[in-house]
C-alpha atoms as a PDB file:
ATOM      1  CA  MET A   1     -20.584 -34.015  15.495  1.00  0.00           C
ATOM      2  CA  VAL A   2     -18.797 -31.085  17.163  1.00  0.00           C
ATOM      3  CA  GLU A   3     -17.812 -31.853  20.734  1.00  0.00           C
ATOM      4  CA  ARG A   4     -18.574 -29.092  23.199  1.00  0.00           C
ATOM      5  CA  ARG A   5     -15.977 -28.488  25.905  1.00  0.00           C
ATOM      6  CA  PRO A   6     -16.802 -25.445  28.074  1.00  0.00           C
ATOM      7  CA  TRP A   7     -13.336 -25.299  29.592  1.00  0.00           C
ATOM      8  CA  LEU A   8     -11.714 -25.215  26.141  1.00  0.00           C
ATOM      9  CA  THR A   9     -14.069 -22.439  25.037  1.00  0.00           C
ATOM     10  CA  ALA A  10     -13.249 -20.451  28.175  1.00  0.00           C
ATOM     11  CA  LEU A  11      -9.511 -20.977  27.627  1.00  0.00           C
ATOM     12  CA  SER A  12      -9.679 -19.832  24.000  1.00  0.00           C
ATOM     13  CA  HIS A  13     -11.606 -16.712  24.999  1.00  0.00           C
ATOM     14  CA  LEU A  14      -9.086 -16.014  27.752  1.00  0.00           C
ATOM     15  CA  VAL A  15      -6.207 -16.276  25.286  1.00  0.00           C
ATOM     16  CA  LEU A  16      -7.993 -13.921  22.887  1.00  0.00           C
ATOM     17  CA  ILE A  17      -8.697 -11.389  25.634  1.00  0.00           C
ATOM     18  CA  VAL A  18      -5.081 -11.456  26.814  1.00  0.00           C
ATOM     19  CA  GLY A  19      -3.892 -10.991  23.222  1.00  0.00           C
ATOM     20  CA  VAL A  20      -6.211  -8.019  22.702  1.00  0.00           C
ATOM     21  CA  LEU A  21      -5.050  -6.436  25.954  1.00  0.00           C
ATOM     22  CA  ILE A  22      -1.386  -6.827  24.994  1.00  0.00           C
ATOM     23  CA  VAL A  23      -2.001  -5.188  21.612  1.00  0.00           C
ATOM     24  CA  ALA A  24      -4.386  -2.482  22.848  1.00  0.00           C
ATOM     25  CA  PHE A  25      -2.543  -1.431  26.021  1.00  0.00           C
ATOM     26  CA  PRO A  26       0.149   0.676  24.252  1.00  0.00           C
ATOM     27  CA  VAL A  27      -2.598   2.401  22.245  1.00  0.00           C
ATOM     28  CA  TYR A  28      -4.476   3.148  25.463  1.00  0.00           C
ATOM     29  CA  ILE A  29      -1.337   4.568  27.082  1.00  0.00           C
ATOM     30  CA  THR A  30      -0.793   6.756  24.018  1.00  0.00           C
ATOM     31  CA  PHE A  31      -4.360   8.036  24.240  1.00  0.00           C
ATOM     32  CA  VAL A  32      -4.064   8.748  27.970  1.00  0.00           C
ATOM     33  CA  ALA A  33      -0.788  10.616  27.424  1.00  0.00           C
ATOM     34  CA  SER A  34      -2.425  12.677  24.676  1.00  0.00           C
ATOM     35  CA  THR A  35      -4.963  14.010  27.188  1.00  0.00           C
ATOM     36  CA  GLN A  36      -2.465  15.027  29.893  1.00  0.00           C
ATOM     37  CA  THR A  37      -0.121  17.951  30.357  1.00  0.00           C
ATOM     38  CA  SER A  38       3.541  17.496  29.497  1.00  0.00           C
ATOM     39  CA  ASP A  39       4.452  17.683  33.207  1.00  0.00           C
ATOM     40  CA  ALA A  40       1.970  14.961  34.151  1.00  0.00           C
ATOM     41  CA  ILE A  41       3.411  12.536  31.596  1.00  0.00           C
ATOM     42  CA  VAL A  42       6.955  12.688  33.006  1.00  0.00           C
ATOM     43  CA  GLN A  43       5.741  12.001  36.540  1.00  0.00           C
ATOM     44  CA  SER A  44       6.342   8.570  38.042  1.00  0.00           C
ATOM     45  CA  PRO A  45       3.968   6.854  37.861  1.00  0.00           C
ATOM     46  CA  MET A  46       2.185   8.432  34.909  1.00  0.00           C
ATOM     47  CA  PRO A  47      -1.602   8.825  35.336  1.00  0.00           C
ATOM     48  CA  MET A  48      -3.488   5.833  33.913  1.00  0.00           C
ATOM     49  CA  LEU A  49      -6.792   7.627  33.406  1.00  0.00           C
ATOM     50  CA  PRO A  50      -7.552  10.223  30.691  1.00  0.00           C
ATOM     51  CA  GLY A  51      -6.958  13.828  31.662  1.00  0.00           C
ATOM     52  CA  GLY A  52      -8.871  16.985  30.857  1.00  0.00           C
ATOM     53  CA  HIS A  53      -6.677  18.405  28.081  1.00  0.00           C
ATOM     54  CA  LEU A  54      -7.895  16.302  25.132  1.00  0.00           C
ATOM     55  CA  ILE A  55      -9.379  19.110  23.036  1.00  0.00           C
ATOM     56  CA  GLU A  56      -6.545  21.486  23.850  1.00  0.00           C
ATOM     57  CA  ASN A  57      -3.789  19.019  22.944  1.00  0.00           C
ATOM     58  CA  TYR A  58      -5.401  17.803  19.724  1.00  0.00           C
ATOM     59  CA  THR A  59      -6.145  21.351  18.602  1.00  0.00           C
ATOM     60  CA  THR A  60      -2.544  22.345  19.302  1.00  0.00           C
ATOM     61  CA  ALA A  61      -1.272  19.345  17.325  1.00  0.00           C
ATOM     62  CA  LEU A  62      -3.542  19.973  14.344  1.00  0.00           C
ATOM     63  CA  THR A  63      -2.686  23.668  14.112  1.00  0.00           C
ATOM     64  CA  GLY A  64       1.025  23.407  14.941  1.00  0.00           C
ATOM     65  CA  THR A  65       0.860  26.129  17.593  1.00  0.00           C
ATOM     66  CA  ARG A  66       2.876  24.376  20.288  1.00  0.00           C
ATOM     67  CA  ALA A  67       5.663  26.295  22.027  1.00  0.00           C
ATOM     68  CA  GLY A  68       8.320  23.613  22.562  1.00  0.00           C
ATOM     69  CA  SER A  69      11.414  22.828  20.513  1.00  0.00           C
ATOM     70  CA  GLY A  70      11.522  20.553  17.491  1.00  0.00           C
ATOM     71  CA  SER A  71       9.313  20.743  14.410  1.00  0.00           C
ATOM     72  CA  HIS A  72       6.290  23.064  14.561  1.00  0.00           C
ATOM     73  CA  ALA A  73       4.676  21.775  11.371  1.00  0.00           C
ATOM     74  CA  SER A  74       0.904  21.520  11.436  1.00  0.00           C
ATOM     75  CA  VAL A  75      -0.258  17.937  11.883  1.00  0.00           C
ATOM     76  CA  GLY A  76      -3.206  18.725   9.635  1.00  0.00           C
ATOM     77  CA  ARG A  77      -0.790  19.594   6.826  1.00  0.00           C
ATOM     78  CA  MET A  78       1.358  16.526   7.528  1.00  0.00           C
ATOM     79  CA  MET A  79      -1.684  14.252   7.375  1.00  0.00           C
ATOM     80  CA  VAL A  80      -2.662  15.755   4.019  1.00  0.00           C
ATOM     81  CA  VAL A  81       0.844  14.998   2.706  1.00  0.00           C
ATOM     82  CA  SER A  82       0.650  11.448   4.053  1.00  0.00           C
ATOM     83  CA  LEU A  83      -2.843  10.941   2.606  1.00  0.00           C
ATOM     84  CA  VAL A  84      -1.855  12.145  -0.865  1.00  0.00           C
ATOM     85  CA  THR A  85       1.315  10.057  -0.757  1.00  0.00           C
ATOM     86  CA  ALA A  86      -0.505   6.903   0.364  1.00  0.00           C
ATOM     87  CA  LEU A  87      -3.281   7.293  -2.213  1.00  0.00           C
ATOM     88  CA  VAL A  88      -0.917   7.964  -5.111  1.00  0.00           C
ATOM     89  CA  ILE A  89       1.349   5.056  -4.150  1.00  0.00           C
ATOM     90  CA  SER A  90      -1.510   2.559  -3.673  1.00  0.00           C
ATOM     91  CA  LEU A  91      -3.499   3.560  -6.761  1.00  0.00           C
ATOM     92  CA  GLY A  92      -0.327   3.900  -8.840  1.00  0.00           C
ATOM     93  CA  LYS A  93       0.906   0.448  -7.828  1.00  0.00           C
ATOM     94  CA  ILE A  94      -2.438  -1.153  -8.670  1.00  0.00           C
ATOM     95  CA  THR A  95      -2.734   0.612 -12.039  1.00  0.00           C
ATOM     96  CA  ILE A  96       0.809  -0.114 -13.197  1.00  0.00           C
ATOM     97  CA  SER A  97       0.667  -3.707 -11.949  1.00  0.00           C
ATOM     98  CA  LEU A  98      -2.638  -4.363 -13.728  1.00  0.00           C
ATOM     99  CA  PHE A  99      -1.300  -3.157 -17.068  1.00  0.00           C
ATOM    100  CA  SER A 100       2.030  -4.948 -16.580  1.00  0.00           C
ATOM    101  CA  ALA A 101       0.363  -8.263 -15.766  1.00  0.00           C
ATOM    102  CA  PHE A 102      -2.070  -7.819 -18.665  1.00  0.00           C
ATOM    103  CA  ALA A 103       0.805  -7.305 -21.094  1.00  0.00           C
ATOM    104  CA  LEU A 104       2.784 -10.250 -19.733  1.00  0.00           C
ATOM    105  CA  VAL A 105      -0.143 -12.690 -19.948  1.00  0.00           C
ATOM    106  CA  TYR A 106      -2.083 -11.680 -23.058  1.00  0.00           C
ATOM    107  CA  PHE A 107       0.529 -10.255 -25.422  1.00  0.00           C
ATOM    108  CA  ARG A 108       3.241 -12.167 -27.259  1.00  0.00           C
ATOM    109  CA  PHE A 109       6.430 -10.159 -27.730  1.00  0.00           C
ATOM    110  CA  PRO A 110      10.171 -10.957 -27.744  1.00  0.00           C
ATOM    111  CA  PHE A 111      11.781 -11.585 -24.349  1.00  0.00           C
ATOM    112  CA  ARG A 112       8.395 -11.574 -22.611  1.00  0.00           C
ATOM    113  CA  MET A 113       9.493 -14.032 -19.930  1.00  0.00           C
ATOM    114  CA  ALA A 114      12.831 -12.250 -19.560  1.00  0.00           C
ATOM    115  CA  PHE A 115      10.941  -9.071 -18.679  1.00  0.00           C
ATOM    116  CA  PHE A 116       8.791 -10.974 -16.200  1.00  0.00           C
ATOM    117  CA  TRP A 117      11.809 -12.461 -14.436  1.00  0.00           C
ATOM    118  CA  ALA A 118      13.523  -9.071 -14.424  1.00  0.00           C
ATOM    119  CA  ILE A 119      10.490  -7.686 -12.586  1.00  0.00           C
ATOM    120  CA  PHE A 120      10.299 -10.676 -10.266  1.00  0.00           C
ATOM    121  CA  ILE A 121      14.002 -10.532  -9.336  1.00  0.00           C
ATOM    122  CA  THR A 122      13.516  -7.023  -7.911  1.00  0.00           C
ATOM    123  CA  LEU A 123      11.669  -8.717  -5.026  1.00  0.00           C
ATOM    124  CA  MET A 124      15.036  -9.984  -3.875  1.00  0.00           C
ATOM    125  CA  LEU A 125      16.562  -6.501  -3.730  1.00  0.00           C
ATOM    126  CA  PRO A 126      15.891  -4.674  -0.444  1.00  0.00           C
ATOM    127  CA  VAL A 127      15.031  -0.984  -0.614  1.00  0.00           C
ATOM    128  CA  GLU A 128      18.349  -0.047   0.985  1.00  0.00           C
ATOM    129  CA  VAL A 129      20.276  -1.498  -1.974  1.00  0.00           C
ATOM    130  CA  ARG A 130      18.694   0.819  -4.536  1.00  0.00           C
ATOM    131  CA  ILE A 131      17.850   3.810  -2.365  1.00  0.00           C
ATOM    132  CA  GLY A 132      21.146   5.607  -3.069  1.00  0.00           C
ATOM    133  CA  PRO A 133      20.882   5.580  -6.885  1.00  0.00           C
ATOM    134  CA  THR A 134      17.167   6.392  -6.640  1.00  0.00           C
ATOM    135  CA  TYR A 135      17.881   9.415  -4.461  1.00  0.00           C
ATOM    136  CA  LYS A 136      20.514  10.592  -6.967  1.00  0.00           C
ATOM    137  CA  VAL A 137      18.021  10.402  -9.838  1.00  0.00           C
ATOM    138  CA  VAL A 138      15.284  12.189  -7.859  1.00  0.00           C
ATOM    139  CA  SER A 139      17.738  14.904  -6.782  1.00  0.00           C
ATOM    140  CA  ASP A 140      19.035  15.456 -10.331  1.00  0.00           C
ATOM    141  CA  LEU A 141      15.460  15.783 -11.604  1.00  0.00           C
ATOM    142  CA  GLY A 142      14.680  18.434  -8.973  1.00  0.00           C
ATOM    143  CA  MET A 143      11.952  16.384  -7.286  1.00  0.00           C
ATOM    144  CA  LEU A 144      13.101  16.812  -3.690  1.00  0.00           C
ATOM    145  CA  ASN A 145      10.421  18.232  -1.363  1.00  0.00           C
ATOM    146  CA  SER A 146       7.646  17.385  -3.821  1.00  0.00           C
ATOM    147  CA  TYR A 147       4.820  14.890  -4.109  1.00  0.00           C
ATOM    148  CA  ALA A 148       6.455  13.485  -7.235  1.00  0.00           C
ATOM    149  CA  GLY A 149       9.647  12.744  -5.327  1.00  0.00           C
ATOM    150  CA  LEU A 150       7.700  11.117  -2.503  1.00  0.00           C
ATOM    151  CA  THR A 151       5.581   8.868  -4.712  1.00  0.00           C
ATOM    152  CA  ILE A 152       6.989   8.137  -8.182  1.00  0.00           C
ATOM    153  CA  PRO A 153       9.979   6.022  -7.032  1.00  0.00           C
ATOM    154  CA  LEU A 154       7.602   3.853  -4.940  1.00  0.00           C
ATOM    155  CA  ILE A 155       4.699   3.164  -7.300  1.00  0.00           C
ATOM    156  CA  ALA A 156       6.216   0.190  -9.141  1.00  0.00           C
ATOM    157  CA  SER A 157       5.419  -3.110  -7.436  1.00  0.00           C
ATOM    158  CA  ALA A 158       6.788  -6.509  -8.430  1.00  0.00           C
ATOM    159  CA  THR A 159       4.589  -8.189  -5.813  1.00  0.00           C
ATOM    160  CA  ALA A 160       1.346  -6.758  -7.192  1.00  0.00           C
ATOM    161  CA  THR A 161       2.430  -7.505 -10.776  1.00  0.00           C
ATOM    162  CA  PHE A 162       3.132 -11.118  -9.839  1.00  0.00           C
ATOM    163  CA  LEU A 163      -0.211 -11.513  -8.031  1.00  0.00           C
ATOM    164  CA  PHE A 164      -2.228 -10.057 -10.925  1.00  0.00           C
ATOM    165  CA  ARG A 165      -0.288 -12.182 -13.423  1.00  0.00           C
ATOM    166  CA  GLN A 166      -1.057 -15.346 -11.506  1.00  0.00           C
ATOM    167  CA  PHE A 167      -4.730 -14.382 -11.333  1.00  0.00           C
ATOM    168  CA  PHE A 168      -4.954 -13.586 -15.044  1.00  0.00           C
ATOM    169  CA  LEU A 169      -3.483 -17.005 -15.820  1.00  0.00           C
ATOM    170  CA  THR A 170      -6.508 -18.584 -14.105  1.00  0.00           C
ATOM    171  CA  VAL A 171      -9.021 -16.732 -16.314  1.00  0.00           C
ATOM    172  CA  PRO A 172     -10.576 -19.345 -18.669  1.00  0.00           C
ATOM    173  CA  ASP A 173      -9.524 -19.165 -22.312  1.00  0.00           C
ATOM    174  CA  GLU A 174     -13.209 -19.345 -23.224  1.00  0.00           C
ATOM    175  CA  LEU A 175     -13.655 -15.788 -21.942  1.00  0.00           C
ATOM    176  CA  VAL A 176     -10.876 -14.580 -24.212  1.00  0.00           C
ATOM    177  CA  GLU A 177     -12.361 -16.386 -27.197  1.00  0.00           C
ATOM    178  CA  ALA A 178     -15.879 -15.104 -26.434  1.00  0.00           C
ATOM    179  CA  ALA A 179     -14.602 -11.536 -26.213  1.00  0.00           C
ATOM    180  CA  ARG A 180     -12.743 -11.943 -29.497  1.00  0.00           C
ATOM    181  CA  VAL A 181     -15.864 -13.334 -31.224  1.00  0.00           C
ATOM    182  CA  ASP A 182     -17.897 -10.389 -29.927  1.00  0.00           C
ATOM    183  CA  GLY A 183     -15.382  -8.034 -31.514  1.00  0.00           C
ATOM    184  CA  ALA A 184     -13.874  -6.762 -28.278  1.00  0.00           C
ATOM    185  CA  GLY A 185     -10.348  -5.425 -28.613  1.00  0.00           C
ATOM    186  CA  PRO A 186      -7.606  -5.903 -26.008  1.00  0.00           C
ATOM    187  CA  MET A 187      -8.490  -2.795 -24.013  1.00  0.00           C
ATOM    188  CA  ARG A 188     -12.216  -3.580 -24.114  1.00  0.00           C
ATOM    189  CA  PHE A 189     -11.467  -7.071 -22.789  1.00  0.00           C
ATOM    190  CA  PHE A 190      -9.248  -5.562 -20.103  1.00  0.00           C
ATOM    191  CA  LYS A 191     -11.778  -2.933 -19.025  1.00  0.00           C
ATOM    192  CA  ASP A 192     -15.000  -4.968 -19.194  1.00  0.00           C
ATOM    193  CA  ILE A 193     -13.794  -8.408 -18.088  1.00  0.00           C
ATOM    194  CA  LEU A 194     -10.428  -8.460 -16.340  1.00  0.00           C
ATOM    195  CA  VAL A 195     -10.833  -5.361 -14.175  1.00  0.00           C
ATOM    196  CA  PRO A 196     -14.283  -6.379 -12.779  1.00  0.00           C
ATOM    197  CA  LEU A 197     -12.963  -9.872 -12.060  1.00  0.00           C
ATOM    198  CA  SER A 198      -9.993  -8.360 -10.207  1.00  0.00           C
ATOM    199  CA  ARG A 199     -11.970  -6.088  -7.893  1.00  0.00           C
ATOM    200  CA  THR A 200     -11.456  -8.120  -4.723  1.00  0.00           C
ATOM    201  CA  SER A 201      -7.725  -8.509  -5.396  1.00  0.00           C
ATOM    202  CA  MET A 202      -7.486  -4.782  -6.086  1.00  0.00           C
ATOM    203  CA  ALA A 203      -9.273  -3.997  -2.808  1.00  0.00           C
ATOM    204  CA  ALA A 204      -6.936  -6.232  -0.800  1.00  0.00           C
ATOM    205  CA  LEU A 205      -3.878  -4.723  -2.464  1.00  0.00           C
ATOM    206  CA  PHE A 206      -5.223  -1.203  -1.923  1.00  0.00           C
ATOM    207  CA  VAL A 207      -5.450  -1.754   1.837  1.00  0.00           C
ATOM    208  CA  ILE A 208      -1.944  -3.226   1.999  1.00  0.00           C
ATOM    209  CA  GLN A 209      -0.375  -0.576  -0.223  1.00  0.00           C
ATOM    210  CA  PHE A 210      -2.210   2.315   1.491  1.00  0.00           C
ATOM    211  CA  ILE A 211      -0.771   1.278   4.854  1.00  0.00           C
ATOM    212  CA  TYR A 212       2.629   0.785   3.188  1.00  0.00           C
ATOM    213  CA  GLY A 213       2.519   4.304   1.739  1.00  0.00           C
ATOM    214  CA  TRP A 214       1.184   5.896   4.933  1.00  0.00           C
ATOM    215  CA  ASN A 215       3.918   4.347   7.094  1.00  0.00           C
ATOM    216  CA  GLN A 216       6.842   5.241   4.814  1.00  0.00           C
ATOM    217  CA  TYR A 217       9.727   6.595   6.876  1.00  0.00           C
ATOM    218  CA  LEU A 218      13.152   6.053   5.291  1.00  0.00           C
ATOM    219  CA  TRP A 219      12.394   7.429   1.831  1.00  0.00           C
ATOM    220  CA  PRO A 220      10.532  10.581   3.009  1.00  0.00           C
ATOM    221  CA  LEU A 221      13.344  11.156   5.520  1.00  0.00           C
ATOM    222  CA  LEU A 222      15.763  11.456   2.586  1.00  0.00           C
ATOM    223  CA  VAL A 223      13.726  13.480   0.104  1.00  0.00           C
ATOM    224  CA  THR A 224      11.999  15.983   2.430  1.00  0.00           C
ATOM    225  CA  THR A 225      13.838  18.807   4.172  1.00  0.00           C
ATOM    226  CA  GLU A 226      11.009  21.355   4.387  1.00  0.00           C
ATOM    227  CA  GLU A 227       8.415  21.186   7.151  1.00  0.00           C
ATOM    228  CA  ASN A 228       5.477  21.719   4.783  1.00  0.00           C
ATOM    229  CA  MET A 229       6.342  18.452   2.983  1.00  0.00           C
ATOM    230  CA  TYR A 230       6.804  16.249   6.047  1.00  0.00           C
ATOM    231  CA  PRO A 231       4.487  13.216   6.144  1.00  0.00           C
ATOM    232  CA  VAL A 232       3.063  12.563   9.570  1.00  0.00           C
ATOM    233  CA  VAL A 233       5.471   9.718  10.406  1.00  0.00           C
ATOM    234  CA  ILE A 234       8.451  12.013   9.812  1.00  0.00           C
ATOM    235  CA  GLY A 235       6.676  14.812  11.649  1.00  0.00           C
ATOM    236  CA  ILE A 236       6.403  12.722  14.806  1.00  0.00           C
ATOM    237  CA  LYS A 237      10.136  12.078  14.753  1.00  0.00           C
ATOM    238  CA  GLN A 238      10.946  15.758  14.131  1.00  0.00           C
ATOM    239  CA  MET A 239       8.753  16.825  17.063  1.00  0.00           C
ATOM    240  CA  ILE A 240      10.927  14.876  19.508  1.00  0.00           C
ATOM    241  CA  SER A 241      13.625  17.210  20.780  1.00  0.00           C
ATOM    242  CA  GLY A 242      17.212  16.153  21.220  1.00  0.00           C
ATOM    243  CA  GLY A 243      19.682  17.063  23.947  1.00  0.00           C
ATOM    244  CA  ASP A 244      18.410  18.909  26.992  1.00  0.00           C
ATOM    245  CA  ALA A 245      15.413  20.461  25.277  1.00  0.00           C
ATOM    246  CA  GLN A 246      12.059  19.423  26.706  1.00  0.00           C
ATOM    247  CA  THR A 247       9.790  17.374  24.464  1.00  0.00           C
ATOM    248  CA  GLU A 248       6.064  18.038  24.656  1.00  0.00           C
ATOM    249  CA  TRP A 249       5.118  14.393  24.847  1.00  0.00           C
ATOM    250  CA  ASN A 250       1.415  15.144  25.168  1.00  0.00           C
ATOM    251  CA  ILE A 251       1.417  16.768  21.713  1.00  0.00           C
ATOM    252  CA  VAL A 252       3.586  13.989  20.295  1.00  0.00           C
ATOM    253  CA  MET A 253       1.147  11.379  21.604  1.00  0.00           C
ATOM    254  CA  ALA A 254      -1.823  13.336  20.222  1.00  0.00           C
ATOM    255  CA  THR A 255      -0.075  13.376  16.839  1.00  0.00           C
ATOM    256  CA  ALA A 256       0.527   9.635  17.065  1.00  0.00           C
ATOM    257  CA  MET A 257      -3.152   9.009  17.783  1.00  0.00           C
ATOM    258  CA  LEU A 258      -4.182  11.152  14.817  1.00  0.00           C
ATOM    259  CA  ALA A 259      -1.694   9.300  12.616  1.00  0.00           C
ATOM    260  CA  MET A 260      -3.360   5.976  13.487  1.00  0.00           C
ATOM    261  CA  LEU A 261      -6.823   7.043  12.352  1.00  0.00           C
ATOM    262  CA  PRO A 262      -6.648   6.962   8.506  1.00  0.00           C
ATOM    263  CA  PRO A 263      -5.080   3.472   8.204  1.00  0.00           C
ATOM    264  CA  ALA A 264      -7.489   2.144  10.834  1.00  0.00           C
ATOM    265  CA  LEU A 265     -10.468   3.636   8.983  1.00  0.00           C
ATOM    266  CA  VAL A 266      -9.298   2.153   5.669  1.00  0.00           C
ATOM    267  CA  VAL A 267      -8.973  -1.308   7.234  1.00  0.00           C
ATOM    268  CA  MET A 268     -12.373  -1.086   8.954  1.00  0.00           C
ATOM    269  CA  LEU A 269     -14.238   0.257   5.919  1.00  0.00           C
ATOM    270  CA  MET A 270     -12.665  -2.227   3.511  1.00  0.00           C
ATOM    271  CA  GLN A 271     -12.388  -5.214   5.844  1.00  0.00           C
ATOM    272  CA  LYS A 272     -14.945  -7.291   3.933  1.00  0.00           C
ATOM    273  CA  TRP A 273     -13.285  -6.694   0.576  1.00  0.00           C
ATOM    274  CA  PHE A 274      -9.820  -7.149   2.075  1.00  0.00           C
ATOM    275  CA  VAL A 275     -10.610 -10.588   3.514  1.00  0.00           C
ATOM    276  CA  LYS A 276     -12.492 -11.629   0.393  1.00  0.00           C
ATOM    277  CA  GLY A 277      -9.581 -10.614  -1.815  1.00  0.00           C
ATOM    278  CA  LEU A 278      -7.185 -12.748   0.211  1.00  0.00           C
ATOM    279  CA  VAL A 279      -9.293 -15.913   0.556  1.00  0.00           C
ATOM    280  CA  ASP A 280     -11.827 -15.822  -2.282  1.00  0.00           C
ATOM    281  CA  THR A 281     -11.353 -18.723  -4.678  1.00  0.00           C
ATOM    282  CA  GLU A 282     -14.487 -18.210  -6.768  1.00  0.00           C
ATOM    283  CA  LYS A 283     -13.012 -15.569  -9.041  1.00  0.00           C
END
């Protein structure tokens, strides 16, 4: 029997509401700032209600027609770069990790476990350790300021390979034997059995890796020097003026709000699959 305590229910709801307010308040302030003029934002105190410049500010941000200092790259173009980068990184990580885990689990070849541990050990190496040599390789191959330079060095994932390997190890041997009796080859078994069984895991990894690719900052900062190849996270930083130059904070805040939309939409649209991929045990 579940004991009902109204005061405990009220307390839990109060804690949840306070938590939501703490998380949502900075987003609200960003939205309010994106609807004001640049002069209104620097006033003390800043207005706490939305202003009347929403369409003007967002149009200016999307088209890159602002007059201040700093980067004048179109936010629309930057979001396209970020979208392509995030999609290539997330889909590339999933594809490579699926094939890697499939080879490690279902094929017998010399030094198989040595290769697995070599992949796994890369989890212990932070990005900063290998970013210098990686930049040198990308520069020598002429991939600076290109989608290839933004994505290829980031599409390998030891974490995803490990997760898919552990899942494949739980697949019953009877499925493998049944596929072999039916005359299915390795790739047929992979395509018709393993991939459908891995859909929820793939969906969860896609959400995580899409956000990871969208929010990349350090690597794009190194490999992009042209405004037309800035992802939106770099674009926000480049729009902030240094020194005595005035920053158009209303346009910066409008850009920040636009940058939040694609990851938020991905999480909302794939929330069911994301949660199922993390907690589902009936694979």
